[in-house]
PDB file of N, CA and C in Angstrom:
ATOM      1  N   MET A   1      18.287  23.285  42.615  1.00  0.00           N
ATOM      2  CA  MET A   1      19.569  22.851  43.085  1.00  0.00           C
ATOM      3  C   MET A   1      20.610  23.761  42.445  1.00  0.00           C
ATOM      4  N   LEU A   2      21.437  24.367  43.268  1.00  0.00           N
ATOM      5  CA  LEU A   2      22.506  25.238  42.797  1.00  0.00           C
ATOM      6  C   LEU A   2      23.829  24.531  43.031  1.00  0.00           C
ATOM      7  N   LEU A   3      24.646  24.426  42.013  1.00  0.00           N
ATOM      8  CA  LEU A   3      25.967  23.809  42.128  1.00  0.00           C
ATOM      9  C   LEU A   3      27.027  24.844  41.805  1.00  0.00           C
ATOM     10  N   VAL A   4      28.110  24.838  42.575  1.00  0.00           N
ATOM     11  CA  VAL A   4      29.219  25.760  42.349  1.00  0.00           C
ATOM     12  C   VAL A   4      30.500  24.949  42.275  1.00  0.00           C
ATOM     13  N   ASN A   5      31.272  25.130  41.229  1.00  0.00           N
ATOM     14  CA  ASN A   5      32.560  24.463  41.072  1.00  0.00           C
ATOM     15  C   ASN A   5      33.637  25.411  41.595  1.00  0.00           C
ATOM     16  N   LEU A   6      34.225  25.086  42.742  1.00  0.00           N
ATOM     17  CA  LEU A   6      35.231  25.951  43.353  1.00  0.00           C
ATOM     18  C   LEU A   6      36.654  25.631  42.897  1.00  0.00           C
ATOM     19  N   SER A   7      36.796  24.666  42.009  1.00  0.00           N
ATOM     20  CA  SER A   7      38.131  24.342  41.504  1.00  0.00           C
ATOM     21  C   SER A   7      38.363  25.024  40.164  1.00  0.00           C
ATOM     22  N   ARG A   8      39.581  24.915  39.674  1.00  0.00           N
ATOM     23  CA  ARG A   8      39.906  25.487  38.362  1.00  0.00           C
ATOM     24  C   ARG A   8      39.677  24.477  37.241  1.00  0.00           C
ATOM     25  N   GLU A   9      39.389  23.249  37.626  1.00  0.00           N
ATOM     26  CA  GLU A   9      39.154  22.193  36.640  1.00  0.00           C
ATOM     27  C   GLU A   9      37.680  22.167  36.237  1.00  0.00           C
ATOM     28  N   PRO A  10      37.402  21.974  34.950  1.00  0.00           N
ATOM     29  CA  PRO A  10      36.001  21.860  34.532  1.00  0.00           C
ATOM     30  C   PRO A  10      35.372  20.596  35.116  1.00  0.00           C
ATOM     31  N   PHE A  11      34.105  20.679  35.425  1.00  0.00           N
ATOM     32  CA  PHE A  11      33.382  19.540  35.976  1.00  0.00           C
ATOM     33  C   PHE A  11      32.084  19.402  35.202  1.00  0.00           C
ATOM     34  N   THR A  12      31.857  18.239  34.637  1.00  0.00           N
ATOM     35  CA  THR A  12      30.678  18.014  33.809  1.00  0.00           C
ATOM     36  C   THR A  12      29.754  17.011  34.483  1.00  0.00           C
ATOM     37  N   LEU A  13      28.493  17.352  34.530  1.00  0.00           N
ATOM     38  CA  LEU A  13      27.486  16.427  35.049  1.00  0.00           C
ATOM     39  C   LEU A  13      26.818  15.724  33.887  1.00  0.00           C
ATOM     40  N   GLN A  14      26.532  14.469  34.085  1.00  0.00           N
ATOM     41  CA  GLN A  14      25.824  13.686  33.081  1.00  0.00           C
ATOM     42  C   GLN A  14      24.416  13.402  33.591  1.00  0.00           C
ATOM     43  N   ARG A  15      23.482  13.223  32.686  1.00  0.00           N
ATOM     44  CA  ARG A  15      22.119  12.879  33.081  1.00  0.00           C
ATOM     45  C   ARG A  15      22.154  11.618  33.943  1.00  0.00           C
ATOM     46  N   GLY A  16      21.497  11.685  35.088  1.00  0.00           N
ATOM     47  CA  GLY A  16      21.452  10.541  35.993  1.00  0.00           C
ATOM     48  C   GLY A  16      22.490  10.597  37.103  1.00  0.00           C
ATOM     49  N   ASP A  17      23.455  11.551  37.026  1.00  0.00           N
ATOM     50  CA  ASP A  17      24.443  11.692  38.104  1.00  0.00           C
ATOM     51  C   ASP A  17      23.728  12.078  39.392  1.00  0.00           C
ATOM     52  N   ARG A  18      24.184  11.521  40.487  1.00  0.00           N
ATOM     53  CA  ARG A  18      23.597  11.826  41.793  1.00  0.00           C
ATOM     54  C   ARG A  18      24.384  12.968  42.417  1.00  0.00           C
ATOM     55  N   ILE A  19      23.694  14.072  42.684  1.00  0.00           N
ATOM     56  CA  ILE A  19      24.383  15.272  43.153  1.00  0.00           C
ATOM     57  C   ILE A  19      23.887  15.759  44.509  1.00  0.00           C
ATOM     58  N   ALA A  20      22.889  15.100  45.080  1.00  0.00           N
ATOM     59  CA  ALA A  20      22.337  15.565  46.354  1.00  0.00           C
ATOM     60  C   ALA A  20      21.883  14.374  47.186  1.00  0.00           C
ATOM     61  N   GLN A  21      21.695  14.631  48.469  1.00  0.00           N
ATOM     62  CA  GLN A  21      21.223  13.600  49.377  1.00  0.00           C
ATOM     63  C   GLN A  21      20.259  14.244  50.366  1.00  0.00           C
ATOM     64  N   LEU A  22      19.136  13.606  50.591  1.00  0.00           N
ATOM     65  CA  LEU A  22      18.152  14.101  51.549  1.00  0.00           C
ATOM     66  C   LEU A  22      18.321  13.338  52.851  1.00  0.00           C
ATOM     67  N   VAL A  23      18.486  14.069  53.944  1.00  0.00           N
ATOM     68  CA  VAL A  23      18.581  13.453  55.260  1.00  0.00           C
ATOM     69  C   VAL A  23      17.375  13.924  56.064  1.00  0.00           C
ATOM     70  N   VAL A  24      16.529  12.984  56.425  1.00  0.00           N
ATOM     71  CA  VAL A  24      15.347  13.300  57.219  1.00  0.00           C
ATOM     72  C   VAL A  24      15.701  13.059  58.678  1.00  0.00           C
ATOM     73  N   ALA A  25      15.650  14.111  59.487  1.00  0.00           N
ATOM     74  CA  ALA A  25      16.009  14.003  60.901  1.00  0.00           C
ATOM     75  C   ALA A  25      14.943  14.703  61.737  1.00  0.00           C
ATOM     76  N   PRO A  26      14.641  14.139  62.897  1.00  0.00           N
ATOM     77  CA  PRO A  26      13.635  14.776  63.750  1.00  0.00           C
ATOM     78  C   PRO A  26      14.148  16.092  64.334  1.00  0.00           C
ATOM     79  N   VAL A  27      13.246  17.018  64.507  1.00  0.00           N
ATOM     80  CA  VAL A  27      13.574  18.297  65.132  1.00  0.00           C
ATOM     81  C   VAL A  27      12.687  18.430  66.365  1.00  0.00           C
ATOM     82  N   ALA A  28      13.325  18.457  67.529  1.00  0.00           N
ATOM     83  CA  ALA A  28      12.568  18.535  68.778  1.00  0.00           C
ATOM     84  C   ALA A  28      12.057  19.956  68.998  1.00  0.00           C
ATOM     85  N   PRO A  29      10.792  20.095  69.373  1.00  0.00           N
ATOM     86  CA  PRO A  29      10.284  21.436  69.677  1.00  0.00           C
ATOM     87  C   PRO A  29      10.918  21.969  70.963  1.00  0.00           C
ATOM     88  N   VAL A  30      11.231  23.244  70.976  1.00  0.00           N
ATOM     89  CA  VAL A  30      11.894  23.858  72.125  1.00  0.00           C
ATOM     90  C   VAL A  30      11.118  25.106  72.526  1.00  0.00           C
ATOM     91  N   ALA A  31      11.018  25.331  73.826  1.00  0.00           N
ATOM     92  CA  ALA A  31      10.357  26.538  74.327  1.00  0.00           C
ATOM     93  C   ALA A  31      11.369  27.357  75.119  1.00  0.00           C
ATOM     94  N   PHE A  32      11.382  28.663  74.905  1.00  0.00           N
ATOM     95  CA  PHE A  32      12.279  29.566  75.615  1.00  0.00           C
ATOM     96  C   PHE A  32      11.453  30.545  76.436  1.00  0.00           C
ATOM     97  N   TRP A  33      12.000  30.949  77.581  1.00  0.00           N
ATOM     98  CA  TRP A  33      11.375  31.963  78.412  1.00  0.00           C
ATOM     99  C   TRP A  33      12.383  33.075  78.641  1.00  0.00           C
ATOM    100  N   GLU A  34      11.977  34.291  78.387  1.00  0.00           N
ATOM    101  CA  GLU A  34      12.846  35.438  78.631  1.00  0.00           C
ATOM    102  C   GLU A  34      12.685  35.866  80.088  1.00  0.00           C
ATOM    103  N   VAL A  35      13.813  36.014  80.772  1.00  0.00           N
ATOM    104  CA  VAL A  35      13.788  36.416  82.179  1.00  0.00           C
ATOM    105  C   VAL A  35      14.657  37.651  82.360  1.00  0.00           C
ATOM    106  N   GLU A  36      14.383  38.406  83.403  1.00  0.00           N
ATOM    107  CA  GLU A  36      15.160  39.607  83.702  1.00  0.00           C
ATOM    108  C   GLU A  36      16.488  39.257  84.368  1.00  0.00           C
ATOM    109  N   VAL A  37      16.461  38.271  85.292  1.00  0.00           N
ATOM    110  CA  VAL A  37      17.649  37.909  86.070  1.00  0.00           C
ATOM    111  C   VAL A  37      17.746  36.392  86.126  1.00  0.00           C
ATOM    112  N   LEU A  38      18.966  35.866  86.003  1.00  0.00           N
ATOM    113  CA  LEU A  38      19.181  34.422  86.132  1.00  0.00           C
ATOM    114  C   LEU A  38      19.442  34.078  87.590  1.00  0.00           C
ATOM    115  N   ASP A  39      18.883  32.956  88.027  1.00  0.00           N
ATOM    116  CA  ASP A  39      19.112  32.493  89.391  1.00  0.00           C
ATOM    117  C   ASP A  39      20.569  32.082  89.563  1.00  0.00           C
ATOM    118  N   THR A  40      21.131  32.302  90.754  1.00  0.00           N
ATOM    119  CA  THR A  40      22.497  31.891  91.072  1.00  0.00           C
ATOM    120  C   THR A  40      22.500  30.406  91.394  1.00  0.00           C
ATOM    121  N   THR A  41      23.476  29.669  90.844  1.00  0.00           N
ATOM    122  CA  THR A  41      23.597  28.238  91.128  1.00  0.00           C
ATOM    123  C   THR A  41      25.041  27.909  91.443  1.00  0.00           C
ATOM    124  N   VAL A  42      25.268  26.828  92.167  1.00  0.00           N
ATOM    125  CA  VAL A  42      26.624  26.369  92.466  1.00  0.00           C
ATOM    126  C   VAL A  42      27.308  25.947  91.171  1.00  0.00           C
ATOM    127  N   ARG A  43      26.560  25.363  90.279  1.00  0.00           N
ATOM    128  CA  ARG A  43      27.107  24.886  89.015  1.00  0.00           C
ATOM    129  C   ARG A  43      27.747  26.017  88.216  1.00  0.00           C
ATOM    130  N   GLY A  44      27.217  27.222  88.292  1.00  0.00           N
ATOM    131  CA  GLY A  44      27.715  28.330  87.491  1.00  0.00           C
ATOM    132  C   GLY A  44      28.843  29.120  88.123  1.00  0.00           C
ATOM    133  N   GLU A  45      29.414  28.646  89.204  1.00  0.00           N
ATOM    134  CA  GLU A  45      30.435  29.393  89.941  1.00  0.00           C
ATOM    135  C   GLU A  45      31.720  29.628  89.160  1.00  0.00           C
ATOM    136  N   GLY A  46      32.190  28.641  88.386  1.00  0.00           N
ATOM    137  CA  GLY A  46      33.506  28.737  87.763  1.00  0.00           C
ATOM    138  C   GLY A  46      33.537  29.456  86.432  1.00  0.00           C
ATOM    139  N   GLY A  47      32.401  29.784  85.877  1.00  0.00           N
ATOM    140  CA  GLY A  47      32.376  30.444  84.579  1.00  0.00           C
ATOM    141  C   GLY A  47      32.355  29.447  83.431  1.00  0.00           C
ATOM    142  N   PHE A  48      32.213  29.962  82.224  1.00  0.00           N
ATOM    143  CA  PHE A  48      32.107  29.114  81.040  1.00  0.00           C
ATOM    144  C   PHE A  48      33.375  28.292  80.841  1.00  0.00           C
ATOM    145  N   GLY A  49      33.232  26.983  80.667  1.00  0.00           N
ATOM    146  CA  GLY A  49      34.370  26.107  80.396  1.00  0.00           C
ATOM    147  C   GLY A  49      35.123  25.663  81.628  1.00  0.00           C
ATOM    148  N   SER A  50      34.725  26.093  82.806  1.00  0.00           N
ATOM    149  CA  SER A  50      35.439  25.734  84.033  1.00  0.00           C
ATOM    150  C   SER A  50      35.167  24.285  84.410  1.00  0.00           C
ATOM    151  N   THR A  51      36.224  23.573  84.820  1.00  0.00           N
ATOM    152  CA  THR A  51      36.063  22.193  85.287  1.00  0.00           C
ATOM    153  C   THR A  51      35.916  22.143  86.793  1.00  0.00           C
ATOM    154  N   GLY A  52      36.081  23.280  87.460  1.00  0.00           N
ATOM    155  CA  GLY A  52      35.946  23.326  88.902  1.00  0.00           C
ATOM    156  C   GLY A  52      37.208  22.922  89.633  1.00  0.00           C
ATOM    157  N   ARG A  53      38.315  22.735  88.907  1.00  0.00           N
ATOM    158  CA  ARG A  53      39.574  22.318  89.538  1.00  0.00           C
ATOM    159  C   ARG A  53      40.588  23.431  89.486  1.00  0.00           C
TER     160      ARG A  53
END
């Protein structure tokens, strides 16, 4: 465990202080396919972020 104090004030840890937390979260497996050309779709007409209006 690496701790860095980014303030100018001294910070002291005492034995038993809680300094970390473990979060167990599922990670879904993902598969990617590399293609030469993307198919044209109506959905992609407006470009990134377009609402179509």
